[in-house]
Amino acid sequence: MREIKFRVWDKENKQILDVQELDYGDSYNGQPMIRTTMYNDYFDTEDMILMQYTGLKDKNEKEIYEGDILEYKTREYLTDEIYCKNFVVKWNQKTASYILRNSETTLSLNYVYLTSEVIGNIYDNPELLERK
C-alpha cells in the first residue's frame, strides 16, 4: 500500500514542515486546515503550501515530494560524456502522474527516480533550477 504523507512550505517562517493532520471538517473555502508537527495550531492553505509525498524514494532512499528538485545524470552514448540536469517534481493532471520538469524538457518520474538524487526544493533552493 502506498504511504500517503504531506509536508508544507510555511510562507511566513520560510521553512519546510511535516504535516501531522489535515482537517477537512473545518475547511477554509473548501481547502483543508493544516496542522504541522511543529505547531499545535491549525493553518489554512493561504499560510502554507501543501506538497504530497510521491510514494517514491531517490537513489539514496530519500523521500521524493512535490516541489523537490532532483538531479538526473544521463550518459551520451556516442561520446560517453555524462550530462547532469536538475528537474522539479510536479503533478501532471493530464496523465495523473508525477513528472520531472525543467526549462528544456519533461520526464516521467517513474522512469528516473532510482537514478536521481533529491538536492533541494523550489522554496529553499530555487537557484538549483537555473540552467547548467
C-alpha atoms as a PDB file:
ATOM      1  CA  MET A   1       0.000   0.000   0.000  1.00  0.00           C
ATOM      2  CA  ARG A   2       1.289   3.477  -0.890  1.00  0.00           C
ATOM      3  CA  GLU A   3       2.127   5.697   2.056  1.00  0.00           C
ATOM      4  CA  ILE A   4       0.209   8.983   1.927  1.00  0.00           C
ATOM      5  CA  LYS A   5       2.125  11.843   3.529  1.00  0.00           C
ATOM      6  CA  PHE A   6       2.354  15.587   3.154  1.00  0.00           C
ATOM      7  CA  ARG A   7       4.670  18.400   4.061  1.00  0.00           C
ATOM      8  CA  VAL A   8       4.180  22.154   3.778  1.00  0.00           C
ATOM      9  CA  TRP A   9       6.138  25.257   2.971  1.00  0.00           C
ATOM     10  CA  ASP A  10       5.458  27.749   5.770  1.00  0.00           C
ATOM     11  CA  LYS A  11       5.308  31.044   3.872  1.00  0.00           C
ATOM     12  CA  GLU A  12       5.743  33.260   6.916  1.00  0.00           C
ATOM     13  CA  ASN A  13       8.670  31.431   8.546  1.00  0.00           C
ATOM     14  CA  LYS A  14      10.123  30.247   5.219  1.00  0.00           C
ATOM     15  CA  GLN A  15      10.648  26.626   6.193  1.00  0.00           C
ATOM     16  CA  ILE A  16       9.510  23.112   5.275  1.00  0.00           C
ATOM     17  CA  LEU A  17       7.403  21.402   7.946  1.00  0.00           C
ATOM     18  CA  ASP A  18       5.957  17.895   8.221  1.00  0.00           C
ATOM     19  CA  VAL A  19       2.160  17.678   8.297  1.00  0.00           C
ATOM     20  CA  GLN A  20       0.591  15.963  11.274  1.00  0.00           C
ATOM     21  CA  GLU A  21      -3.053  16.391  10.301  1.00  0.00           C
ATOM     22  CA  LEU A  22      -5.305  17.628   7.511  1.00  0.00           C
ATOM     23  CA  ASP A  23      -8.773  18.588   8.746  1.00  0.00           C
ATOM     24  CA  TYR A  24     -11.468  18.747   6.108  1.00  0.00           C
ATOM     25  CA  GLY A  25     -14.244  19.122   8.710  1.00  0.00           C
ATOM     26  CA  ASP A  26     -13.394  22.744   9.392  1.00  0.00           C
ATOM     27  CA  SER A  27     -12.335  23.593   5.870  1.00  0.00           C
ATOM     28  CA  TYR A  28     -11.480  27.119   4.818  1.00  0.00           C
ATOM     29  CA  ASN A  29     -13.078  27.989   1.462  1.00  0.00           C
ATOM     30  CA  GLY A  30     -13.096  24.292   0.543  1.00  0.00           C
ATOM     31  CA  GLN A  31      -9.428  23.836   1.480  1.00  0.00           C
ATOM     32  CA  PRO A  32      -8.301  21.701   4.433  1.00  0.00           C
ATOM     33  CA  MET A  33      -6.955  23.138   7.645  1.00  0.00           C
ATOM     34  CA  ILE A  34      -3.349  22.046   8.218  1.00  0.00           C
ATOM     35  CA  ARG A  35      -1.621  21.167  11.482  1.00  0.00           C
ATOM     36  CA  THR A  36       2.120  20.637  11.350  1.00  0.00           C
ATOM     37  CA  THR A  37       4.315  18.623  13.693  1.00  0.00           C
ATOM     38  CA  MET A  38       5.953  21.859  14.847  1.00  0.00           C
ATOM     39  CA  TYR A  39       2.831  23.848  15.853  1.00  0.00           C
ATOM     40  CA  ASN A  40      -0.379  22.886  17.665  1.00  0.00           C
ATOM     41  CA  ASP A  41      -2.433  25.476  15.767  1.00  0.00           C
ATOM     42  CA  TYR A  42      -4.248  24.829  12.500  1.00  0.00           C
ATOM     43  CA  PHE A  43      -3.359  26.865   9.429  1.00  0.00           C
ATOM     44  CA  ASP A  44      -5.169  27.382   6.146  1.00  0.00           C
ATOM     45  CA  THR A  45      -3.618  26.957   2.735  1.00  0.00           C
ATOM     46  CA  GLU A  46      -3.088  30.718   2.423  1.00  0.00           C
ATOM     47  CA  ASP A  47      -0.339  30.403   5.057  1.00  0.00           C
ATOM     48  CA  MET A  48       1.090  27.069   3.886  1.00  0.00           C
ATOM     49  CA  ILE A  49       1.793  25.404   0.533  1.00  0.00           C
ATOM     50  CA  LEU A  50       0.875  21.720   0.662  1.00  0.00           C
ATOM     51  CA  MET A  51       3.182  19.174  -1.034  1.00  0.00           C
ATOM     52  CA  GLN A  52       2.389  15.468  -1.327  1.00  0.00           C
ATOM     53  CA  TYR A  53       4.834  12.587  -0.980  1.00  0.00           C
ATOM     54  CA  THR A  54       5.097  10.782  -4.324  1.00  0.00           C
ATOM     55  CA  GLY A  55       5.494   7.368  -2.694  1.00  0.00           C
ATOM     56  CA  LEU A  56       8.947   7.090  -4.283  1.00  0.00           C
ATOM     57  CA  LYS A  57      12.492   7.442  -2.960  1.00  0.00           C
ATOM     58  CA  ASP A  58      15.600   8.604  -4.760  1.00  0.00           C
ATOM     59  CA  LYS A  59      18.804   6.608  -5.218  1.00  0.00           C
ATOM     60  CA  ASN A  60      19.801   7.458  -1.619  1.00  0.00           C
ATOM     61  CA  GLU A  61      16.430   6.321  -0.190  1.00  0.00           C
ATOM     62  CA  LYS A  62      15.335   9.935   0.439  1.00  0.00           C
ATOM     63  CA  GLU A  63      11.584  10.522   0.068  1.00  0.00           C
ATOM     64  CA  ILE A  64      10.551  12.488  -3.017  1.00  0.00           C
ATOM     65  CA  TYR A  65       7.863  15.184  -2.610  1.00  0.00           C
ATOM     66  CA  GLU A  66       6.180  17.602  -4.986  1.00  0.00           C
ATOM     67  CA  GLY A  67       8.389  20.663  -5.253  1.00  0.00           C
ATOM     68  CA  ASP A  68      11.620  18.742  -4.749  1.00  0.00           C
ATOM     69  CA  ILE A  69      14.495  19.366  -7.124  1.00  0.00           C
ATOM     70  CA  LEU A  70      16.096  16.199  -8.466  1.00  0.00           C
ATOM     71  CA  GLU A  71      19.471  15.904 -10.119  1.00  0.00           C
ATOM     72  CA  TYR A  72      19.364  13.453 -13.009  1.00  0.00           C
ATOM     73  CA  LYS A  73      22.506  12.313 -14.797  1.00  0.00           C
ATOM     74  CA  THR A  74      22.451  10.868 -18.288  1.00  0.00           C
ATOM     75  CA  ARG A  75      25.252   9.443 -20.385  1.00  0.00           C
ATOM     76  CA  GLU A  76      25.665  10.467 -24.001  1.00  0.00           C
ATOM     77  CA  TYR A  77      26.023   7.178 -25.877  1.00  0.00           C
ATOM     78  CA  LEU A  78      28.142   8.484 -28.728  1.00  0.00           C
ATOM     79  CA  THR A  79      30.686  10.442 -26.657  1.00  0.00           C
ATOM     80  CA  ASP A  80      30.271   8.694 -23.287  1.00  0.00           C
ATOM     81  CA  GLU A  81      30.019  12.130 -21.637  1.00  0.00           C
ATOM     82  CA  ILE A  82      27.826  12.490 -18.553  1.00  0.00           C
ATOM     83  CA  TYR A  83      25.290  15.310 -18.507  1.00  0.00           C
ATOM     84  CA  CYS A  84      23.704  16.476 -15.287  1.00  0.00           C
ATOM     85  CA  LYS A  85      20.305  18.207 -15.277  1.00  0.00           C
ATOM     86  CA  ASN A  86      18.069  19.429 -12.483  1.00  0.00           C
ATOM     87  CA  PHE A  87      14.297  18.967 -12.549  1.00  0.00           C
ATOM     88  CA  VAL A  88      11.396  19.946 -10.301  1.00  0.00           C
ATOM     89  CA  VAL A  89       8.840  17.311  -9.272  1.00  0.00           C
ATOM     90  CA  LYS A  90       5.296  18.259 -10.315  1.00  0.00           C
ATOM     91  CA  TRP A  91       1.884  16.592 -10.531  1.00  0.00           C
ATOM     92  CA  ASN A  92       0.553  16.273 -14.086  1.00  0.00           C
ATOM     93  CA  GLN A  93      -3.242  16.291 -14.043  1.00  0.00           C
ATOM     94  CA  LYS A  94      -3.484  15.122 -17.681  1.00  0.00           C
ATOM     95  CA  THR A  95      -1.551  11.904 -17.119  1.00  0.00           C
ATOM     96  CA  ALA A  96      -2.418  11.546 -13.412  1.00  0.00           C
ATOM     97  CA  SER A  97       1.253  11.031 -12.602  1.00  0.00           C
ATOM     98  CA  TYR A  98       4.283  12.832 -11.237  1.00  0.00           C
ATOM     99  CA  ILE A  99       6.674  14.327 -13.745  1.00  0.00           C
ATOM    100  CA  LEU A 100      10.072  15.978 -13.702  1.00  0.00           C
ATOM    101  CA  ARG A 101      10.227  19.300 -15.491  1.00  0.00           C
ATOM    102  CA  ASN A 102      12.822  21.917 -16.290  1.00  0.00           C
ATOM    103  CA  SER A 103      13.022  24.710 -18.855  1.00  0.00           C
ATOM    104  CA  GLU A 104      14.054  22.285 -21.593  1.00  0.00           C
ATOM    105  CA  THR A 105      12.164  19.033 -21.149  1.00  0.00           C
ATOM    106  CA  THR A 106       9.724  16.865 -19.214  1.00  0.00           C
ATOM    107  CA  LEU A 107      10.380  13.327 -17.959  1.00  0.00           C
ATOM    108  CA  SER A 108       8.259  10.752 -16.166  1.00  0.00           C
ATOM    109  CA  LEU A 109       9.326  10.447 -12.534  1.00  0.00           C
ATOM    110  CA  ASN A 110       8.575   6.715 -12.686  1.00  0.00           C
ATOM    111  CA  TYR A 111      11.414   6.113 -15.139  1.00  0.00           C
ATOM    112  CA  VAL A 112      14.229   8.058 -13.485  1.00  0.00           C
ATOM    113  CA  TYR A 113      13.675   8.223  -9.719  1.00  0.00           C
ATOM    114  CA  LEU A 114      16.010   5.300  -8.922  1.00  0.00           C
ATOM    115  CA  THR A 115      18.934   7.039 -10.620  1.00  0.00           C
ATOM    116  CA  SER A 116      18.107  10.580  -9.444  1.00  0.00           C
ATOM    117  CA  GLU A 117      19.009  12.417  -6.255  1.00  0.00           C
ATOM    118  CA  VAL A 118      16.978  14.963  -4.249  1.00  0.00           C
ATOM    119  CA  ILE A 119      19.238  18.015  -3.970  1.00  0.00           C
ATOM    120  CA  GLY A 120      16.765  20.592  -2.635  1.00  0.00           C
ATOM    121  CA  ASN A 121      13.325  22.066  -3.207  1.00  0.00           C
ATOM    122  CA  ILE A 122      11.863  25.005  -5.115  1.00  0.00           C
ATOM    123  CA  TYR A 123      11.325  27.088  -1.981  1.00  0.00           C
ATOM    124  CA  ASP A 124      14.697  26.721  -0.240  1.00  0.00           C
ATOM    125  CA  ASN A 125      16.839  26.318  -3.367  1.00  0.00           C
ATOM    126  CA  PRO A 126      15.250  27.949  -6.464  1.00  0.00           C
ATOM    127  CA  GLU A 127      18.724  28.724  -7.828  1.00  0.00           C
ATOM    128  CA  LEU A 128      19.214  24.976  -8.479  1.00  0.00           C
ATOM    129  CA  LEU A 129      16.770  25.227 -11.388  1.00  0.00           C
ATOM    130  CA  GLU A 130      18.864  27.749 -13.272  1.00  0.00           C
ATOM    131  CA  ARG A 131      20.345  26.387 -16.480  1.00  0.00           C
ATOM    132  CA  LYS A 132      23.512  24.374 -16.114  1.00  0.00           C
END
